C-alpha atoms as a PDB file:
ATOM      1  CA  MET A   1     -94.831 -36.180 -27.299  1.00  0.00           C
ATOM      2  CA  SER A   2     -92.605 -33.087 -26.939  1.00  0.00           C
ATOM      3  CA  ARG A   3     -90.275 -32.619 -24.030  1.00  0.00           C
ATOM      4  CA  HIS A   4     -89.915 -29.251 -22.227  1.00  0.00           C
ATOM      5  CA  GLN A   5     -86.504 -28.510 -20.630  1.00  0.00           C
ATOM      6  CA  GLN A   6     -86.637 -26.804 -17.223  1.00  0.00           C
ATOM      7  CA  GLY A   7     -83.921 -24.666 -15.567  1.00  0.00           C
ATOM      8  CA  VAL A   8     -82.614 -21.098 -15.505  1.00  0.00           C
ATOM      9  CA  SER A   9     -81.419 -18.959 -18.280  1.00  0.00           C
ATOM     10  CA  LEU A  10     -77.876 -17.647 -18.533  1.00  0.00           C
ATOM     11  CA  VAL A  11     -79.070 -14.196 -17.472  1.00  0.00           C
ATOM     12  CA  GLU A  12     -80.791 -15.579 -14.387  1.00  0.00           C
ATOM     13  CA  LEU A  13     -77.677 -17.556 -13.505  1.00  0.00           C
ATOM     14  CA  MET A  14     -75.473 -14.442 -13.769  1.00  0.00           C
ATOM     15  CA  VAL A  15     -77.889 -12.421 -11.639  1.00  0.00           C
ATOM     16  CA  GLY A  16     -77.897 -15.153  -8.993  1.00  0.00           C
ATOM     17  CA  ILE A  17     -74.111 -15.314  -8.911  1.00  0.00           C
ATOM     18  CA  ALA A  18     -73.887 -11.503  -8.629  1.00  0.00           C
ATOM     19  CA  VAL A  19     -76.348 -11.454  -5.712  1.00  0.00           C
ATOM     20  CA  GLY A  20     -74.445 -14.264  -4.002  1.00  0.00           C
ATOM     21  CA  LEU A  21     -71.104 -12.499  -4.413  1.00  0.00           C
ATOM     22  CA  PHE A  22     -72.614  -9.296  -3.015  1.00  0.00           C
ATOM     23  CA  ILE A  23     -73.869 -11.135   0.058  1.00  0.00           C
ATOM     24  CA  VAL A  24     -70.493 -12.830   0.569  1.00  0.00           C
ATOM     25  CA  ALA A  25     -68.643  -9.495   0.174  1.00  0.00           C
ATOM     26  CA  THR A  26     -70.955  -7.775   2.658  1.00  0.00           C
ATOM     27  CA  ALA A  27     -70.524 -10.572   5.191  1.00  0.00           C
ATOM     28  CA  SER A  28     -66.738 -10.534   4.706  1.00  0.00           C
ATOM     29  CA  PHE A  29     -66.640  -6.768   5.240  1.00  0.00           C
ATOM     30  CA  ALA A  30     -68.703  -7.082   8.438  1.00  0.00           C
ATOM     31  CA  VAL A  31     -66.477  -9.869   9.754  1.00  0.00           C
ATOM     32  CA  SER A  32     -63.339  -7.868   8.879  1.00  0.00           C
ATOM     33  CA  ASN A  33     -64.652  -4.805  10.741  1.00  0.00           C
ATOM     34  CA  GLN A  34     -65.543  -6.971  13.730  1.00  0.00           C
ATOM     35  CA  LEU A  35     -62.066  -8.498  13.801  1.00  0.00           C
ATOM     36  CA  ASN A  36     -60.449  -5.057  13.533  1.00  0.00           C
ATOM     37  CA  ASP A  37     -62.617  -3.726  16.363  1.00  0.00           C
ATOM     38  CA  ASN A  38     -61.742  -6.713  18.542  1.00  0.00           C
ATOM     39  CA  ARG A  39     -58.051  -6.262  17.758  1.00  0.00           C
ATOM     40  CA  LYS A  40     -58.218  -2.566  18.671  1.00  0.00           C
ATOM     41  CA  LEU A  41     -60.023  -3.307  21.940  1.00  0.00           C
ATOM     42  CA  ALA A  42     -57.422  -5.946  22.802  1.00  0.00           C
ATOM     43  CA  LEU A  43     -54.577  -3.509  22.069  1.00  0.00           C
ATOM     44  CA  GLU A  44     -56.240  -0.762  24.119  1.00  0.00           C
ATOM     45  CA  ALA A  45     -56.666  -3.151  27.041  1.00  0.00           C
ATOM     46  CA  GLN A  46     -53.035  -4.291  26.757  1.00  0.00           C
ATOM     47  CA  VAL A  47     -51.684  -0.734  26.631  1.00  0.00           C
ATOM     48  CA  GLU A  48     -53.962   0.309  29.512  1.00  0.00           C
ATOM     49  CA  GLN A  49     -52.792  -2.661  31.581  1.00  0.00           C
ATOM     50  CA  ASP A  50     -49.097  -1.937  30.943  1.00  0.00           C
ATOM     51  CA  LEU A  51     -49.461   1.755  31.812  1.00  0.00           C
ATOM     52  CA  ARG A  52     -51.439   0.982  34.965  1.00  0.00           C
ATOM     53  CA  ALA A  53     -48.927  -1.657  36.091  1.00  0.00           C
ATOM     54  CA  ALA A  54     -46.081   0.846  35.572  1.00  0.00           C
ATOM     55  CA  ALA A  55     -47.996   3.563  37.456  1.00  0.00           C
ATOM     56  CA  ASP A  56     -48.597   1.180  40.376  1.00  0.00           C
ATOM     57  CA  LEU A  57     -44.887   0.301  40.559  1.00  0.00           C
ATOM     58  CA  ILE A  58     -43.916   3.976  40.476  1.00  0.00           C
ATOM     59  CA  ALA A  59     -46.533   4.912  43.094  1.00  0.00           C
ATOM     60  CA  ARG A  60     -45.467   2.174  45.504  1.00  0.00           C
ATOM     61  CA  ASP A  61     -41.823   3.230  45.257  1.00  0.00           C
ATOM     62  CA  LEU A  62     -42.578   6.946  45.531  1.00  0.00           C
ATOM     63  CA  ARG A  63     -44.627   6.438  48.700  1.00  0.00           C
ATOM     64  CA  ARG A  64     -41.444   5.193  50.394  1.00  0.00           C
ATOM     65  CA  ALA A  65     -39.511   8.352  49.516  1.00  0.00           C
ATOM     66  CA  GLY A  66     -38.043  10.010  52.574  1.00  0.00           C
ATOM     67  CA  TYR A  67     -38.468   6.996  54.871  1.00  0.00           C
ATOM     68  CA  TRP A  68     -36.085   7.188  57.818  1.00  0.00           C
ATOM     69  CA  GLN A  69     -36.122   4.918  60.856  1.00  0.00           C
ATOM     70  CA  ASN A  70     -35.239   7.815  63.175  1.00  0.00           C
ATOM     71  CA  ALA A  71     -37.783  10.254  61.729  1.00  0.00           C
ATOM     72  CA  ALA A  72     -39.166  11.046  65.208  1.00  0.00           C
ATOM     73  CA  LEU A  73     -35.894  12.848  66.004  1.00  0.00           C
ATOM     74  CA  GLN A  74     -36.903  15.587  63.553  1.00  0.00           C
ATOM     75  CA  PHE A  75     -39.462  16.784  66.110  1.00  0.00           C
ATOM     76  CA  ALA A  76     -36.902  17.228  68.887  1.00  0.00           C
ATOM     77  CA  SER A  77     -36.849  20.732  70.311  1.00  0.00           C
ATOM     78  CA  SER A  78     -33.175  21.070  69.427  1.00  0.00           C
ATOM     79  CA  GLY A  79     -33.978  20.432  65.764  1.00  0.00           C
ATOM     80  CA  SER A  80     -30.503  18.948  65.363  1.00  0.00           C
ATOM     81  CA  ALA A  81     -31.600  15.704  63.688  1.00  0.00           C
ATOM     82  CA  THR A  82     -31.635  15.804  59.893  1.00  0.00           C
ATOM     83  CA  ASN A  83     -33.400  13.344  57.636  1.00  0.00           C
ATOM     84  CA  ARG A  84     -30.853  12.574  54.929  1.00  0.00           C
ATOM     85  CA  TYR A  85     -33.530  10.876  52.824  1.00  0.00           C
ATOM     86  CA  ALA A  86     -36.033  13.746  52.867  1.00  0.00           C
ATOM     87  CA  ALA A  87     -35.193  15.426  49.548  1.00  0.00           C
ATOM     88  CA  VAL A  88     -37.434  14.525  46.605  1.00  0.00           C
ATOM     89  CA  THR A  89     -36.710  16.103  43.239  1.00  0.00           C
ATOM     90  CA  ALA A  90     -39.463  15.800  40.640  1.00  0.00           C
ATOM     91  CA  ALA A  91     -39.476  17.781  37.432  1.00  0.00           C
ATOM     92  CA  GLY A  92     -40.845  16.946  34.023  1.00  0.00           C
ATOM     93  CA  GLN A  93     -39.962  13.435  32.920  1.00  0.00           C
ATOM     94  CA  SER A  94     -37.893  12.280  35.892  1.00  0.00           C
ATOM     95  CA  ALA A  95     -37.720  12.147  39.667  1.00  0.00           C
ATOM     96  CA  SER A  96     -35.005  11.284  42.173  1.00  0.00           C
ATOM     97  CA  TYR A  97     -35.477  10.319  45.811  1.00  0.00           C
ATOM     98  CA  ALA A  98     -34.195   7.950  48.474  1.00  0.00           C
ATOM     99  CA  TYR A  99     -35.340   5.911  51.453  1.00  0.00           C
ATOM    100  CA  SER A 100     -33.608   3.925  54.198  1.00  0.00           C
ATOM    101  CA  GLN A 101     -33.062   0.243  53.490  1.00  0.00           C
ATOM    102  CA  ASP A 102     -30.966  -0.548  56.565  1.00  0.00           C
ATOM    103  CA  ALA A 103     -32.012  -3.374  58.860  1.00  0.00           C
ATOM    104  CA  PRO A 104     -34.589  -2.370  61.500  1.00  0.00           C
ATOM    105  CA  GLY A 105     -32.884  -0.686  64.420  1.00  0.00           C
ATOM    106  CA  HIS A 106     -29.581  -0.351  62.552  1.00  0.00           C
ATOM    107  CA  ASP A 107     -30.022   2.788  60.443  1.00  0.00           C
ATOM    108  CA  ASN A 108     -26.580   4.284  59.861  1.00  0.00           C
ATOM    109  CA  ASP A 109     -28.089   7.694  58.964  1.00  0.00           C
ATOM    110  CA  VAL A 110     -25.995   7.691  55.790  1.00  0.00           C
ATOM    111  CA  LEU A 111     -27.405   7.936  52.272  1.00  0.00           C
ATOM    112  CA  ASP A 112     -25.879   4.799  50.773  1.00  0.00           C
ATOM    113  CA  SER A 113     -25.764   4.052  47.046  1.00  0.00           C
ATOM    114  CA  ASN A 114     -28.234   1.175  47.371  1.00  0.00           C
ATOM    115  CA  GLU A 115     -30.784   3.571  48.871  1.00  0.00           C
ATOM    116  CA  GLN A 116     -30.908   5.846  45.839  1.00  0.00           C
ATOM    117  CA  SER A 117     -34.097   5.601  43.777  1.00  0.00           C
ATOM    118  CA  GLY A 118     -35.644   7.363  40.824  1.00  0.00           C
ATOM    119  CA  VAL A 119     -37.896   7.135  37.806  1.00  0.00           C
ATOM    120  CA  LYS A 120     -37.443   8.461  34.278  1.00  0.00           C
ATOM    121  CA  LEU A 121     -38.660   8.219  30.688  1.00  0.00           C
ATOM    122  CA  ASP A 122     -35.924   6.896  28.414  1.00  0.00           C
ATOM    123  CA  SER A 123     -36.549   6.511  24.651  1.00  0.00           C
ATOM    124  CA  GLY A 124     -40.208   5.576  25.058  1.00  0.00           C
ATOM    125  CA  THR A 125     -39.634   3.268  28.050  1.00  0.00           C
ATOM    126  CA  LEU A 126     -40.279   3.999  31.725  1.00  0.00           C
ATOM    127  CA  LYS A 127     -37.451   2.963  34.041  1.00  0.00           C
ATOM    128  CA  LEU A 128     -36.961   2.720  37.809  1.00  0.00           C
ATOM    129  CA  LEU A 129     -33.622   3.126  39.587  1.00  0.00           C
ATOM    130  CA  MET A 130     -33.126   0.113  41.857  1.00  0.00           C
ATOM    131  CA  GLY A 131     -30.216   1.325  43.950  1.00  0.00           C
ATOM    132  CA  ASP A 132     -27.064  -0.610  43.063  1.00  0.00           C
ATOM    133  CA  GLY A 133     -29.129  -2.619  40.569  1.00  0.00           C
ATOM    134  CA  GLY A 134     -29.215   0.330  38.187  1.00  0.00           C
ATOM    135  CA  TRP A 135     -32.081   1.368  35.940  1.00  0.00           C
ATOM    136  CA  GLN A 136     -34.671  -1.315  35.196  1.00  0.00           C
ATOM    137  CA  ALA A 137     -37.394  -1.047  32.526  1.00  0.00           C
ATOM    138  CA  ILE A 138     -40.941  -1.289  33.887  1.00  0.00           C
ATOM    139  CA  THR A 139     -42.732  -1.029  30.535  1.00  0.00           C
ATOM    140  CA  ASP A 140     -42.294  -3.419  27.613  1.00  0.00           C
ATOM    141  CA  PRO A 141     -41.241  -1.539  24.439  1.00  0.00           C
ATOM    142  CA  ALA A 142     -42.602  -4.423  22.369  1.00  0.00           C
ATOM    143  CA  VAL A 143     -46.073  -3.698  23.750  1.00  0.00           C
ATOM    144  CA  VAL A 144     -46.276   0.025  24.488  1.00  0.00           C
ATOM    145  CA  THR A 145     -44.344   3.150  23.571  1.00  0.00           C
ATOM    146  CA  VAL A 146     -44.573   5.787  26.305  1.00  0.00           C
ATOM    147  CA  THR A 147     -45.032   9.095  24.491  1.00  0.00           C
ATOM    148  CA  GLY A 148     -45.487  11.321  27.514  1.00  0.00           C
ATOM    149  CA  PHE A 149     -44.503  11.246  31.187  1.00  0.00           C
ATOM    150  CA  ARG A 150     -44.831  14.107  33.646  1.00  0.00           C
ATOM    151  CA  LEU A 151     -44.383  14.423  37.405  1.00  0.00           C
ATOM    152  CA  THR A 152     -45.617  17.526  39.235  1.00  0.00           C
ATOM    153  CA  MET A 153     -44.904  18.148  42.915  1.00  0.00           C
ATOM    154  CA  ASN A 154     -47.494  19.852  45.131  1.00  0.00           C
ATOM    155  CA  THR A 155     -46.470  20.820  48.662  1.00  0.00           C
ATOM    156  CA  HIS A 156     -48.687  21.959  51.531  1.00  0.00           C
ATOM    157  CA  GLU A 157     -47.011  23.275  54.693  1.00  0.00           C
ATOM    158  CA  LEU A 158     -48.347  22.856  58.229  1.00  0.00           C
ATOM    159  CA  SER A 159     -46.902  24.920  61.087  1.00  0.00           C
ATOM    160  CA  LEU A 160     -45.498  22.942  64.035  1.00  0.00           C
ATOM    161  CA  ALA A 161     -45.273  25.942  66.369  1.00  0.00           C
ATOM    162  CA  ALA A 162     -47.734  24.332  68.786  1.00  0.00           C
ATOM    163  CA  TYR A 163     -45.269  21.501  69.370  1.00  0.00           C
ATOM    164  CA  CYS A 164     -42.314  23.729  70.294  1.00  0.00           C
ATOM    165  CA  ASP A 165     -41.293  23.939  73.979  1.00  0.00           C
ATOM    166  CA  ALA A 166     -39.860  27.446  73.530  1.00  0.00           C
ATOM    167  CA  PRO A 167     -41.183  30.340  71.436  1.00  0.00           C
ATOM    168  CA  CYS A 168     -39.353  31.515  68.362  1.00  0.00           C
ATOM    169  CA  PRO A 169     -36.921  34.428  68.685  1.00  0.00           C
ATOM    170  CA  PRO A 170     -37.670  37.752  66.957  1.00  0.00           C
ATOM    171  CA  SER A 171     -38.674  37.472  63.329  1.00  0.00           C
ATOM    172  CA  GLY A 172     -35.856  36.455  61.028  1.00  0.00           C
ATOM    173  CA  THR A 173     -33.629  34.949  63.737  1.00  0.00           C
ATOM    174  CA  PRO A 174     -33.688  32.260  62.494  1.00  0.00           C
ATOM    175  CA  ALA A 175     -36.030  32.409  59.510  1.00  0.00           C
ATOM    176  CA  THR A 176     -36.798  28.681  59.819  1.00  0.00           C
ATOM    177  CA  CYS A 177     -38.580  29.021  63.155  1.00  0.00           C
ATOM    178  CA  PRO A 178     -41.145  27.673  63.786  1.00  0.00           C
ATOM    179  CA  PRO A 179     -40.616  24.417  61.885  1.00  0.00           C
ATOM    180  CA  VAL A 180     -43.126  23.332  59.254  1.00  0.00           C
ATOM    181  CA  GLN A 181     -44.285  19.931  58.144  1.00  0.00           C
ATOM    182  CA  GLN A 182     -44.305  19.600  54.354  1.00  0.00           C
ATOM    183  CA  VAL A 183     -47.116  17.397  53.086  1.00  0.00           C
ATOM    184  CA  ARG A 184     -46.138  16.355  49.562  1.00  0.00           C
ATOM    185  CA  GLU A 185     -48.107  14.933  46.672  1.00  0.00           C
ATOM    186  CA  LEU A 186     -46.970  14.011  43.195  1.00  0.00           C
ATOM    187  CA  GLN A 187     -49.277  14.200  40.207  1.00  0.00           C
ATOM    188  CA  LEU A 188     -48.358  11.477  37.731  1.00  0.00           C
ATOM    189  CA  GLN A 189     -49.364  11.567  34.057  1.00  0.00           C
ATOM    190  CA  ILE A 190     -48.479   8.868  31.511  1.00  0.00           C
ATOM    191  CA  ASN A 191     -49.386   8.730  27.819  1.00  0.00           C
ATOM    192  CA  GLY A 192     -48.673   5.739  25.599  1.00  0.00           C
ATOM    193  CA  THR A 193     -49.382   4.133  22.237  1.00  0.00           C
ATOM    194  CA  ALA A 194     -49.417   0.508  21.171  1.00  0.00           C
ATOM    195  CA  ALA A 195     -46.043  -0.430  19.699  1.00  0.00           C
ATOM    196  CA  SER A 196     -47.756  -2.238  16.822  1.00  0.00           C
ATOM    197  CA  ASP A 197     -50.361   0.460  16.067  1.00  0.00           C
ATOM    198  CA  ALA A 198     -49.723   4.127  16.799  1.00  0.00           C
ATOM    199  CA  ARG A 199     -53.438   4.834  16.384  1.00  0.00           C
ATOM    200  CA  VAL A 200     -54.141   3.054  19.670  1.00  0.00           C
ATOM    201  CA  THR A 201     -53.438   5.574  22.435  1.00  0.00           C
ATOM    202  CA  ARG A 202     -54.191   5.611  26.137  1.00  0.00           C
ATOM    203  CA  SER A 203     -53.477   8.018  29.000  1.00  0.00           C
ATOM    204  CA  LEU A 204     -53.410   7.663  32.760  1.00  0.00           C
ATOM    205  CA  ASN A 205     -53.447  10.227  35.579  1.00  0.00           C
ATOM    206  CA  THR A 206     -53.000   9.545  39.271  1.00  0.00           C
ATOM    207  CA  THR A 207     -51.910  11.306  42.467  1.00  0.00           C
ATOM    208  CA  VAL A 208     -49.326   9.828  44.841  1.00  0.00           C
ATOM    209  CA  ARG A 209     -49.241  11.003  48.462  1.00  0.00           C
ATOM    210  CA  LEU A 210     -45.767  10.619  49.966  1.00  0.00           C
ATOM    211  CA  ARG A 211     -46.163   8.863  53.301  1.00  0.00           C
ATOM    212  CA  ASN A 212     -43.067  10.432  54.848  1.00  0.00           C
ATOM    213  CA  ASP A 213     -43.561  14.134  55.406  1.00  0.00           C
ATOM    214  CA  ARG A 214     -40.572  16.466  55.502  1.00  0.00           C
ATOM    215  CA  VAL A 215     -39.867  18.694  58.504  1.00  0.00           C
ATOM    216  CA  VAL A 216     -38.092  21.964  57.750  1.00  0.00           C
ATOM    217  CA  GLY A 217     -36.809  24.361  60.412  1.00  0.00           C
ATOM    218  CA  SER A 218     -36.501  24.146  64.185  1.00  0.00           C
ATOM    219  CA  CYS A 219     -38.019  25.465  67.383  1.00  0.00           C
ATOM    220  CA  GLY A 220     -36.620  28.266  69.482  1.00  0.00           C
ATOM    221  CA  ALA A 221     -33.848  27.483  71.929  1.00  0.00           C
END
């Protein structure tokens, strides 16, 4: 009785191996793309979180700009009281401002060194000026590189003539009568890239309303 061997030929075996390798390669490519997408999403979320945290820190500090315990004295008819913390300078990639940090009821009406504040972009890192503590980084250069930072001041003036006890003298004497209340807003724009992958970029825009308005001018005598 003859025996018949069963199995696959060499050609069939090679075709099977080729098909198997193709399936494995396709699956590996899909998994690799999925991992890359997940990595990019994680980096985008990390960069977004760092930029938003920095923007929140800047916004909270900027809202204090111009704070003065005796601010009500600015509205006195004499107009003699001056807010030494009122000035806010914001241009391009930096801003400087100040606010009172004296104990409640003990404001010395002097702009002390510990009351100086500011924000700036320095070599891809955002920094805040903490008075005598100097400049402190608020973004992590190992996570995000800040590629763009811009502050734009918008000011809207409101006349306070209705609150003056005496009318203003003839026009131009003085030119600062009646006083005006300056309502100030800062537009904040930050752009950044992931430190480990420059292809991952994020941007953030927000508007900060300064809580302490500035009063310029005085009422008539």
